[in-house]
Protein backbone atom coordinates (compact mmCIF):
# COMPACT_ATOMS: atom_id res chain seq x y z
CA MET A 1 70.67 79.76 18.87
CA SER A 2 68.95 83.08 18.28
CA ALA A 3 69.65 86.13 20.44
CA PRO A 4 67.02 86.93 23.08
CA THR A 5 64.46 89.52 22.21
CA THR A 6 64.19 92.78 24.10
CA VAL A 7 61.17 91.53 26.04
CA GLU A 8 62.97 88.34 27.04
CA TRP A 9 66.05 90.29 28.12
CA LEU A 10 63.94 92.68 30.20
CA ARG A 11 62.10 89.76 31.80
CA ALA A 12 65.41 88.07 32.68
CA ALA A 13 66.81 91.36 34.02
CA VAL A 14 63.76 91.93 36.23
CA THR A 15 64.02 88.38 37.55
CA ARG A 16 67.73 88.84 38.25
CA ILE A 17 67.10 92.15 40.03
CA GLY A 18 64.43 90.48 42.19
CA VAL A 19 66.79 87.64 43.15
CA GLY A 20 69.60 90.11 43.78
CA SER A 21 67.39 92.35 45.94
CA GLY A 22 66.61 89.42 48.23
CA ARG A 23 70.28 88.48 48.49
CA LEU A 24 71.36 92.07 49.06
CA SER A 25 68.74 92.62 51.77
CA ALA A 26 69.76 89.43 53.57
CA HIS A 27 73.44 90.32 53.28
CA LEU A 28 72.96 93.85 54.66
CA GLY A 29 70.77 92.47 57.43
CA ARG A 30 73.44 89.98 58.47
CA ARG A 31 76.12 92.67 58.40
CA THR A 32 73.97 94.98 60.54
CA PHE A 33 73.20 92.21 63.05
CA ALA A 34 76.88 91.21 63.23
CA PHE A 35 77.92 94.82 63.83
CA ALA A 36 75.32 95.24 66.60
CA HIS A 37 76.38 91.92 68.16
CA ARG A 38 80.06 92.92 68.20
CA ARG A 39 79.24 96.25 69.81
CA SER A 40 77.03 94.61 72.46
CA VAL A 41 79.71 92.03 73.31
CA ALA A 42 82.33 94.77 73.57
CA ALA A 43 80.06 96.86 75.81
CA LYS A 44 79.29 93.85 78.03
CA GLY A 45 82.99 93.04 78.42
CA TRP A 46 83.75 96.69 79.20
CA VAL A 47 81.16 96.71 82.01
CA GLU A 48 82.10 93.28 83.40
CA ALA A 49 85.77 94.31 83.59
CA SER A 50 84.87 96.58 86.52
CA SER A 51 83.10 96.24 89.85
CA GLY A 52 81.66 98.32 92.63
CA PHE A 53 81.39 102.05 92.06
CA ASP A 54 83.28 101.84 88.76
CA LYS A 55 80.86 99.25 87.39
CA GLY A 56 77.85 101.38 88.34
CA PHE A 57 79.44 104.40 86.68
CA ARG A 58 80.08 102.44 83.47
CA LEU A 59 76.50 101.14 83.42
CA ALA A 60 75.16 104.68 83.86
CA LEU A 61 77.47 105.95 81.11
CA LEU A 62 76.37 103.16 78.76
CA ALA A 63 72.68 103.81 79.47
CA GLY A 64 73.17 107.51 78.81
CA ALA A 65 74.88 106.74 75.49
CA VAL A 66 71.99 104.47 74.44
CA LEU A 67 69.41 107.15 75.28
CA LEU A 68 71.43 109.78 73.40
CA VAL A 69 71.74 107.58 70.30
CA ARG A 70 68.02 106.81 70.43
CA LYS A 71 67.14 110.49 70.69
CA VAL A 72 69.45 111.48 67.84
CA ALA A 73 68.20 108.61 65.62
CA THR A 74 64.58 109.59 66.26
CA ALA A 75 65.26 113.22 65.40
CA ILE A 76 67.08 112.26 62.18
CA GLY A 77 64.26 109.87 61.22
CA LYS A 78 61.59 112.55 61.67
CA TRP A 79 63.64 115.05 59.70
CA ALA A 80 64.21 112.59 56.84
CA TYR A 81 60.51 111.66 56.79
CA HIS A 82 59.42 115.30 56.42
CA ARG A 83 62.01 115.85 53.67
CA ILE A 84 60.75 112.82 51.75
CA GLU A 85 57.08 113.70 52.27
CA SER A 86 57.63 117.24 51.01
CA GLY A 87 59.30 115.98 47.84
CA ALA A 88 62.55 117.82 48.54
CA TRP A 89 64.50 114.58 48.26
CA GLY A 90 62.90 113.41 45.01
CA PRO A 91 66.12 113.41 42.94
CA LEU A 92 68.01 111.77 45.79
CA LEU A 93 65.46 108.96 46.04
CA PHE A 94 65.68 108.32 42.29
CA LEU A 95 69.47 108.20 42.59
CA ALA A 96 69.26 105.76 45.54
CA ALA A 97 66.82 103.57 43.60
CA GLY A 98 69.20 103.50 40.65
CA VAL A 99 72.14 102.50 42.85
CA TRP A 100 70.03 99.74 44.45
CA ILE A 101 68.96 98.37 41.04
CA VAL A 102 72.56 98.22 39.84
CA ALA A 103 73.73 96.55 43.08
CA ALA A 104 70.81 94.07 43.02
CA TYR A 105 71.51 93.21 39.38
CA ARG A 106 75.11 92.42 40.24
CA CYS A 107 74.06 90.30 43.24
CA GLY A 108 71.57 88.38 41.09
CA ARG A 109 74.16 86.60 38.99
CA PRO A 110 74.34 82.81 39.56
CA ASP A 111 77.93 82.77 40.89
CA TRP A 112 77.51 85.68 43.32
CA LYS A 113 78.84 85.17 46.84
CA PRO A 114 78.80 87.73 49.68
CA LYS A 115 82.14 89.19 50.69
CA GLN A 116 83.36 88.10 54.11
CA ARG A 117 85.12 90.28 56.59
CA GLN A 118 88.80 89.39 57.05
CA ALA A 119 88.19 88.23 60.62
CA GLU A 120 85.33 85.96 59.48
CA ALA A 121 87.17 84.41 56.53
CA ALA A 122 87.59 80.67 56.85
CA PRO A 123 91.19 79.48 57.42
CA GLU A 124 92.96 77.79 54.56
CA ALA A 125 92.72 74.01 54.50
CA GLU A 126 95.78 72.19 55.75
CA PRO A 127 97.48 69.79 53.34
CA GLU A 128 96.61 66.14 53.83
CA GLY A 129 99.04 64.04 55.78
CA GLY A 130 100.46 67.05 57.57
CA GLU A 131 103.39 67.33 55.15
CA GLY A 132 105.19 70.66 55.15
CA LEU A 133 103.53 71.81 58.35
CA ALA A 134 105.67 73.61 60.87
CA GLU A 135 106.02 71.91 64.19
CA GLU A 136 103.67 73.20 66.81
CA ALA A 137 105.36 75.55 69.20
CA PRO A 138 105.45 74.20 72.74
CA ALA A 139 102.87 75.72 75.04
CA VAL A 140 104.38 78.37 77.24
CA SER A 141 102.82 78.54 80.67
CA VAL A 142 102.45 82.09 81.90
CA GLU A 143 102.45 82.29 85.65
CA LYS A 144 99.79 84.60 87.00
CA PRO A 145 100.69 87.25 89.56
CA LEU A 146 100.25 86.32 93.20
CA LEU A 147 96.67 86.07 94.47
CA PRO A 148 96.82 87.67 97.93
CA GLY A 149 95.50 85.83 100.93
CA LEU A 150 93.35 87.42 103.60
CA SER A 151 96.38 87.78 105.88
CA ASP A 152 98.30 89.54 103.10
CA LEU A 153 95.46 92.03 102.71
CA ARG A 154 95.29 92.72 106.46
CA ILE A 155 99.05 93.30 106.71
CA ALA A 156 99.20 95.51 103.62
CA LEU A 157 96.28 97.64 104.81
CA ALA A 158 97.93 98.07 108.22
CA ARG A 159 101.17 99.16 106.53
CA VAL A 160 99.86 101.58 103.91
CA GLY A 161 96.37 102.55 105.09
CA THR A 162 95.93 106.26 105.81
CA PRO A 163 93.51 104.84 107.00
CA HIS A 164 92.06 103.81 103.62
CA ALA A 165 94.13 102.25 100.83
CA HIS A 166 93.96 102.19 97.02
CA LEU A 167 94.12 98.85 95.23
CA ALA A 168 97.31 99.86 93.43
CA VAL A 169 99.02 100.76 96.70
CA LEU A 170 97.98 97.47 98.31
CA ALA A 171 99.22 95.59 95.23
CA ALA A 172 102.59 97.33 95.34
CA ASP A 173 103.03 96.48 99.04
CA ILE A 174 102.05 92.81 98.51
CA GLY A 175 104.03 92.43 95.27
CA THR A 176 101.19 91.63 92.89
CA THR A 177 98.78 93.47 90.59
CA ALA A 178 95.71 95.56 91.34
CA GLU A 179 93.58 93.08 89.38
CA ARG A 180 94.65 90.19 91.64
CA VAL A 181 93.99 92.32 94.73
CA ARG A 182 90.49 93.06 93.43
CA GLU A 183 89.98 89.34 92.74
CA ALA A 184 90.98 88.45 96.31
CA LEU A 185 88.70 91.12 97.79
CA GLU A 186 85.77 89.87 95.73
CA LYS A 187 86.56 86.31 96.87
CA TRP A 188 86.21 87.38 100.52
CA GLN A 189 83.19 89.62 99.70
CA ILE A 190 85.00 92.75 100.87
CA PRO A 191 83.51 95.93 99.32
CA VAL A 192 85.66 97.81 96.79
CA GLU A 193 84.75 101.46 96.44
CA ALA A 194 86.16 104.92 95.90
CA VAL A 195 88.35 105.87 98.89
CA ARG A 196 90.71 108.73 99.63
CA MET A 197 94.32 108.26 100.71
CA GLN A 198 96.26 111.11 102.23
CA GLY A 199 98.50 112.65 99.58
CA ARG A 200 97.10 110.42 96.79
CA GLY A 201 93.56 111.66 96.19
CA THR A 202 90.57 109.42 95.51
CA SER A 203 90.63 106.09 93.68
CA THR A 204 89.25 102.55 93.92
CA GLY A 205 90.24 100.81 97.12
CA VAL A 206 89.13 99.56 100.54
CA LYS A 207 88.28 101.36 103.74
CA GLY A 208 90.28 101.14 106.93
CA GLY A 209 90.06 102.83 110.31
CA ASP A 210 86.62 102.82 111.95
CA ALA A 211 84.99 101.80 108.65
CA ILE A 212 87.21 98.74 108.15
CA HIS A 213 85.61 95.48 107.06
CA PRO A 214 85.76 92.87 109.89
CA ALA A 215 87.72 90.48 107.68
CA LEU A 216 90.48 93.11 107.27
CA ALA A 217 90.82 93.91 110.96
CA LEU A 218 94.40 93.16 112.02
CA ARG A 219 94.85 89.92 113.98
CA PRO A 220 97.55 89.48 116.66
CA GLU A 221 99.44 86.99 114.49
CA ASP A 222 99.49 89.52 111.64
CA ALA A 223 100.58 92.37 113.89
CA ALA A 224 103.97 90.72 114.44
CA VAL A 225 104.52 90.57 110.69
CA VAL A 226 103.68 94.26 110.33
CA ALA A 227 106.06 95.11 113.16
CA ALA A 228 108.86 93.05 111.59
CA GLY A 229 108.43 94.86 108.29
CA GLN A 230 107.98 98.29 109.81
CA THR A 231 111.23 99.58 108.30
CA SER A 232 109.61 99.57 104.86
CA ASN A 233 106.97 102.04 106.05
CA SER A 234 107.39 105.73 105.41
CA SER A 235 107.50 106.33 109.16
CA SER A 236 110.17 103.95 110.49
CA ASN A 237 110.26 105.51 113.96
CA ASN A 238 106.76 104.34 114.84
CA ALA A 239 105.42 101.15 116.38
CA PHE A 240 101.87 100.11 117.25
CA ASP A 241 99.70 98.10 119.60
CA THR A 242 96.52 96.22 118.76
CA VAL A 243 93.48 96.91 120.93
CA ASP A 244 90.36 94.72 120.81
CA ASP A 245 87.08 96.43 119.97
CA GLU A 246 84.74 95.90 122.92
CA GLY A 247 81.67 96.40 120.74
CA ASN A 248 82.83 93.99 118.02
CA PRO A 249 85.14 91.12 119.11
CA ALA A 250 85.94 90.39 115.45
CA ARG A 251 87.57 93.80 115.05
CA ALA A 252 90.86 95.11 116.39
CA HIS A 253 92.24 98.65 116.24
CA VAL A 254 95.85 99.53 115.40
CA VAL A 255 97.13 102.18 117.81
CA TRP A 256 100.38 103.84 116.71
CA ARG A 257 102.82 105.21 119.28
CA ASP A 258 106.16 106.96 119.02
CA GLN A 259 109.27 104.99 119.89
């Protein structure tokens, strides 16, 4: 078999570069789309992990970041266009074209396969018959922290409210986590917002006092529980009475009095 002529070799090289250019473009497009998809999923999860004022703040922050990236990308695009149009980047463009031709030529070989990210790599096939496989570890059930009931929330707010209460403080009084407290409040459609506690500053929580949600107003049956656990409060020499709100029968006020 005779060696290919120069013309035949050039024709084969051009064909290989054309095939490789298509593969390389598709591969870079998939990588770009996958990167954008991962970032969008991460941003969505970051926003959905919050609620109320915090969620609005995160949405505003994300929108501001998108606008900033768009503005910067537009400015860079205009600058690059003027540099190319003026011919200042002539040598750089020739260098980029050379790099692309080499990369496309390599991608045009018959046995070329795109490299996969480590996270996307397919798992190794298990041996047939299951021989040599380690026994599956028994499933370990992880018990979730306590989900507070409405009565728990009322009692905790009456104990720690000054008059408002942060989620973390309510969680510590109930014996659960702030996430479970937030979940319970969302279940009962009780607003969660930025509130100020005396001596603790401002953080996410619920309002008490005159701004208390009707569902969190202390009931007579809950008042006895608060009184029984009064020794755990920072002011153990106090007691309280509950007074019905004449304007709103669903609300009751906690009136503290000295012993």
